[in-house]
């Protein structure tokens, strides 16, 4: 089970793709790389949500905070420009007041590979 994350994001949202590898250095500039694990391609997203009311911001903040409280709370989210939903956990959550009853929430979403 997971929580579907359906809040709209801004154009400031961006992806940082990563590949997990082990590196061996042999000297004279020679290196060898080998994949580390079965899920080599990972990603993190810096997400900027569209400003919302305080009630919506509190709900979104709670959903993001709960994503680290067990596999049943992972966020199921379809990133911009993609068609397949993936599982994520939220980190570095920030809530900022930007005007009367307008709040901006930003966070980092890290892709997860749950055993569900």
C-alpha atoms as a PDB file:
ATOM      1  CA  UNK A   1       0.000   0.000   0.000  1.00  0.00           C
ATOM      2  CA  UNK A   2       1.122   3.545  -0.644  1.00  0.00           C
ATOM      3  CA  UNK A   3      -0.212   7.085  -0.739  1.00  0.00           C
ATOM      4  CA  UNK A   4      -0.903   8.645  -4.147  1.00  0.00           C
ATOM      5  CA  UNK A   5       0.718  12.065  -4.357  1.00  0.00           C
ATOM      6  CA  UNK A   6      -1.499  14.182  -6.622  1.00  0.00           C
ATOM      7  CA  UNK A   7      -0.518  17.749  -5.695  1.00  0.00           C
ATOM      8  CA  UNK A   8       0.517  19.882  -8.675  1.00  0.00           C
ATOM      9  CA  UNK A   9       4.184  20.890  -9.021  1.00  0.00           C
ATOM     10  CA  UNK A  10       5.805  23.967 -10.608  1.00  0.00           C
ATOM     11  CA  UNK A  11       8.332  24.210 -13.428  1.00  0.00           C
ATOM     12  CA  UNK A  12      11.062  24.565 -10.780  1.00  0.00           C
ATOM     13  CA  UNK A  13      10.800  20.822 -10.159  1.00  0.00           C
ATOM     14  CA  UNK A  14      13.885  18.999 -11.418  1.00  0.00           C
ATOM     15  CA  UNK A  15      15.402  15.527 -11.493  1.00  0.00           C
ATOM     16  CA  UNK A  16      18.857  14.357 -10.450  1.00  0.00           C
ATOM     17  CA  UNK A  17      19.472  10.929 -11.977  1.00  0.00           C
ATOM     18  CA  UNK A  18      22.053   8.729 -10.286  1.00  0.00           C
ATOM     19  CA  UNK A  19      23.694   5.389 -11.029  1.00  0.00           C
ATOM     20  CA  UNK A  20      25.000   3.254  -8.189  1.00  0.00           C
ATOM     21  CA  UNK A  21      28.431   1.840  -8.990  1.00  0.00           C
ATOM     22  CA  UNK A  22      31.515   0.603  -7.189  1.00  0.00           C
ATOM     23  CA  UNK A  23      34.796   2.040  -8.458  1.00  0.00           C
ATOM     24  CA  UNK A  24      38.227   0.421  -8.276  1.00  0.00           C
ATOM     25  CA  UNK A  25      41.301   2.611  -8.893  1.00  0.00           C
ATOM     26  CA  UNK A  26      44.388   0.789 -10.179  1.00  0.00           C
ATOM     27  CA  UNK A  27      46.726   3.757 -10.613  1.00  0.00           C
ATOM     28  CA  UNK A  28      47.960   5.619 -13.707  1.00  0.00           C
ATOM     29  CA  UNK A  29      44.380   6.756 -14.348  1.00  0.00           C
ATOM     30  CA  UNK A  30      43.016   3.254 -14.893  1.00  0.00           C
ATOM     31  CA  UNK A  31      39.660   2.640 -13.228  1.00  0.00           C
ATOM     32  CA  UNK A  32      37.096  -0.096 -13.352  1.00  0.00           C
ATOM     33  CA  UNK A  33      33.389   0.307 -12.570  1.00  0.00           C
ATOM     34  CA  UNK A  34      30.805  -2.302 -11.706  1.00  0.00           C
ATOM     35  CA  UNK A  35      27.122  -1.881 -10.904  1.00  0.00           C
ATOM     36  CA  UNK A  36      26.168  -1.954  -7.220  1.00  0.00           C
ATOM     37  CA  UNK A  37      22.978  -3.956  -6.656  1.00  0.00           C
ATOM     38  CA  UNK A  38      19.974  -4.826  -8.789  1.00  0.00           C
ATOM     39  CA  UNK A  39      18.439  -1.332  -8.967  1.00  0.00           C
ATOM     40  CA  UNK A  40      21.330   0.649 -10.421  1.00  0.00           C
ATOM     41  CA  UNK A  41      19.432   3.627 -11.801  1.00  0.00           C
ATOM     42  CA  UNK A  42      18.146   5.819  -9.034  1.00  0.00           C
ATOM     43  CA  UNK A  43      16.759   9.330  -8.961  1.00  0.00           C
ATOM     44  CA  UNK A  44      16.050  12.237  -6.668  1.00  0.00           C
ATOM     45  CA  UNK A  45      13.656  15.054  -7.449  1.00  0.00           C
ATOM     46  CA  UNK A  46      13.773  18.573  -6.051  1.00  0.00           C
ATOM     47  CA  UNK A  47      10.052  19.260  -5.951  1.00  0.00           C
ATOM     48  CA  UNK A  48       8.385  22.657  -5.726  1.00  0.00           C
ATOM     49  CA  UNK A  49       4.634  22.371  -5.233  1.00  0.00           C
ATOM     50  CA  UNK A  50       2.185  24.961  -6.559  1.00  0.00           C
ATOM     51  CA  UNK A  51       1.248  27.349  -3.709  1.00  0.00           C
ATOM     52  CA  UNK A  52      -1.783  26.188  -1.739  1.00  0.00           C
ATOM     53  CA  UNK A  53      -3.924  27.266   1.219  1.00  0.00           C
ATOM     54  CA  UNK A  54      -2.770  26.625   4.782  1.00  0.00           C
ATOM     55  CA  UNK A  55      -5.126  23.646   5.180  1.00  0.00           C
ATOM     56  CA  UNK A  56      -3.835  22.042   1.965  1.00  0.00           C
ATOM     57  CA  UNK A  57      -0.236  22.825   2.950  1.00  0.00           C
ATOM     58  CA  UNK A  58      -0.709  21.141   6.333  1.00  0.00           C
ATOM     59  CA  UNK A  59      -2.228  18.066   4.668  1.00  0.00           C
ATOM     60  CA  UNK A  60       0.598  17.871   2.131  1.00  0.00           C
ATOM     61  CA  UNK A  61       3.220  18.327   4.842  1.00  0.00           C
ATOM     62  CA  UNK A  62       1.697  15.463   6.843  1.00  0.00           C
ATOM     63  CA  UNK A  63       1.656  13.169   3.784  1.00  0.00           C
ATOM     64  CA  UNK A  64       5.315  13.964   3.061  1.00  0.00           C
ATOM     65  CA  UNK A  65       6.403  13.487   6.682  1.00  0.00           C
ATOM     66  CA  UNK A  66       4.597  10.137   6.895  1.00  0.00           C
ATOM     67  CA  UNK A  67       6.426   8.773   3.834  1.00  0.00           C
ATOM     68  CA  UNK A  68       9.356   7.738   6.037  1.00  0.00           C
ATOM     69  CA  UNK A  69       7.206   5.865   8.562  1.00  0.00           C
ATOM     70  CA  UNK A  70       7.168   2.482   6.860  1.00  0.00           C
ATOM     71  CA  UNK A  71       6.669   0.916   3.464  1.00  0.00           C
ATOM     72  CA  UNK A  72       2.887   1.286   3.637  1.00  0.00           C
ATOM     73  CA  UNK A  73       3.356   5.081   3.520  1.00  0.00           C
ATOM     74  CA  UNK A  74       5.598   5.390   0.462  1.00  0.00           C
ATOM     75  CA  UNK A  75       4.506   8.102  -1.946  1.00  0.00           C
ATOM     76  CA  UNK A  76       3.317   6.887  -5.328  1.00  0.00           C
ATOM     77  CA  UNK A  77       4.025   9.744  -7.733  1.00  0.00           C
ATOM     78  CA  UNK A  78       4.193  10.238 -11.488  1.00  0.00           C
ATOM     79  CA  UNK A  79       7.012  12.722 -12.191  1.00  0.00           C
ATOM     80  CA  UNK A  80       6.543  15.494 -14.771  1.00  0.00           C
ATOM     81  CA  UNK A  81       7.090  14.260 -18.320  1.00  0.00           C
ATOM     82  CA  UNK A  82       6.757  10.601 -17.333  1.00  0.00           C
ATOM     83  CA  UNK A  83       3.831   8.221 -17.633  1.00  0.00           C
ATOM     84  CA  UNK A  84       4.613   5.631 -14.956  1.00  0.00           C
ATOM     85  CA  UNK A  85       4.142   6.189 -11.222  1.00  0.00           C
ATOM     86  CA  UNK A  86       7.073   5.224  -8.974  1.00  0.00           C
ATOM     87  CA  UNK A  87       7.591   5.019  -5.214  1.00  0.00           C
ATOM     88  CA  UNK A  88       9.311   7.818  -3.267  1.00  0.00           C
ATOM     89  CA  UNK A  89      10.086   9.060   0.221  1.00  0.00           C
ATOM     90  CA  UNK A  90      10.303  12.764   1.112  1.00  0.00           C
ATOM     91  CA  UNK A  91      13.258  14.542   2.672  1.00  0.00           C
ATOM     92  CA  UNK A  92      14.237  18.158   3.377  1.00  0.00           C
ATOM     93  CA  UNK A  93      10.617  19.307   3.585  1.00  0.00           C
ATOM     94  CA  UNK A  94      10.158  23.070   3.809  1.00  0.00           C
ATOM     95  CA  UNK A  95       6.914  25.029   4.263  1.00  0.00           C
ATOM     96  CA  UNK A  96       7.037  28.742   3.550  1.00  0.00           C
ATOM     97  CA  UNK A  97       4.336  31.403   3.829  1.00  0.00           C
ATOM     98  CA  UNK A  98       4.266  33.503   0.650  1.00  0.00           C
ATOM     99  CA  UNK A  99       1.214  35.648   1.334  1.00  0.00           C
ATOM    100  CA  UNK A 100      -2.206  35.716   2.924  1.00  0.00           C
ATOM    101  CA  UNK A 101      -3.284  32.070   3.088  1.00  0.00           C
ATOM    102  CA  UNK A 102      -0.748  31.007   0.421  1.00  0.00           C
ATOM    103  CA  UNK A 103       1.929  28.494   1.298  1.00  0.00           C
ATOM    104  CA  UNK A 104       4.714  26.934  -0.751  1.00  0.00           C
ATOM    105  CA  UNK A 105       6.095  23.519   0.065  1.00  0.00           C
ATOM    106  CA  UNK A 106       9.344  22.174  -1.333  1.00  0.00           C
ATOM    107  CA  UNK A 107      11.041  18.866  -0.685  1.00  0.00           C
ATOM    108  CA  UNK A 108      13.368  16.279  -2.096  1.00  0.00           C
ATOM    109  CA  UNK A 109      11.762  13.032  -3.242  1.00  0.00           C
ATOM    110  CA  UNK A 110      14.029   9.978  -3.300  1.00  0.00           C
ATOM    111  CA  UNK A 111      13.035   6.978  -5.388  1.00  0.00           C
ATOM    112  CA  UNK A 112      12.492   3.773  -3.432  1.00  0.00           C
ATOM    113  CA  UNK A 113      12.176   0.151  -4.504  1.00  0.00           C
ATOM    114  CA  UNK A 114       9.753  -1.397  -1.991  1.00  0.00           C
ATOM    115  CA  UNK A 115       9.275  -5.123  -1.648  1.00  0.00           C
ATOM    116  CA  UNK A 116       5.505  -4.973  -2.026  1.00  0.00           C
END
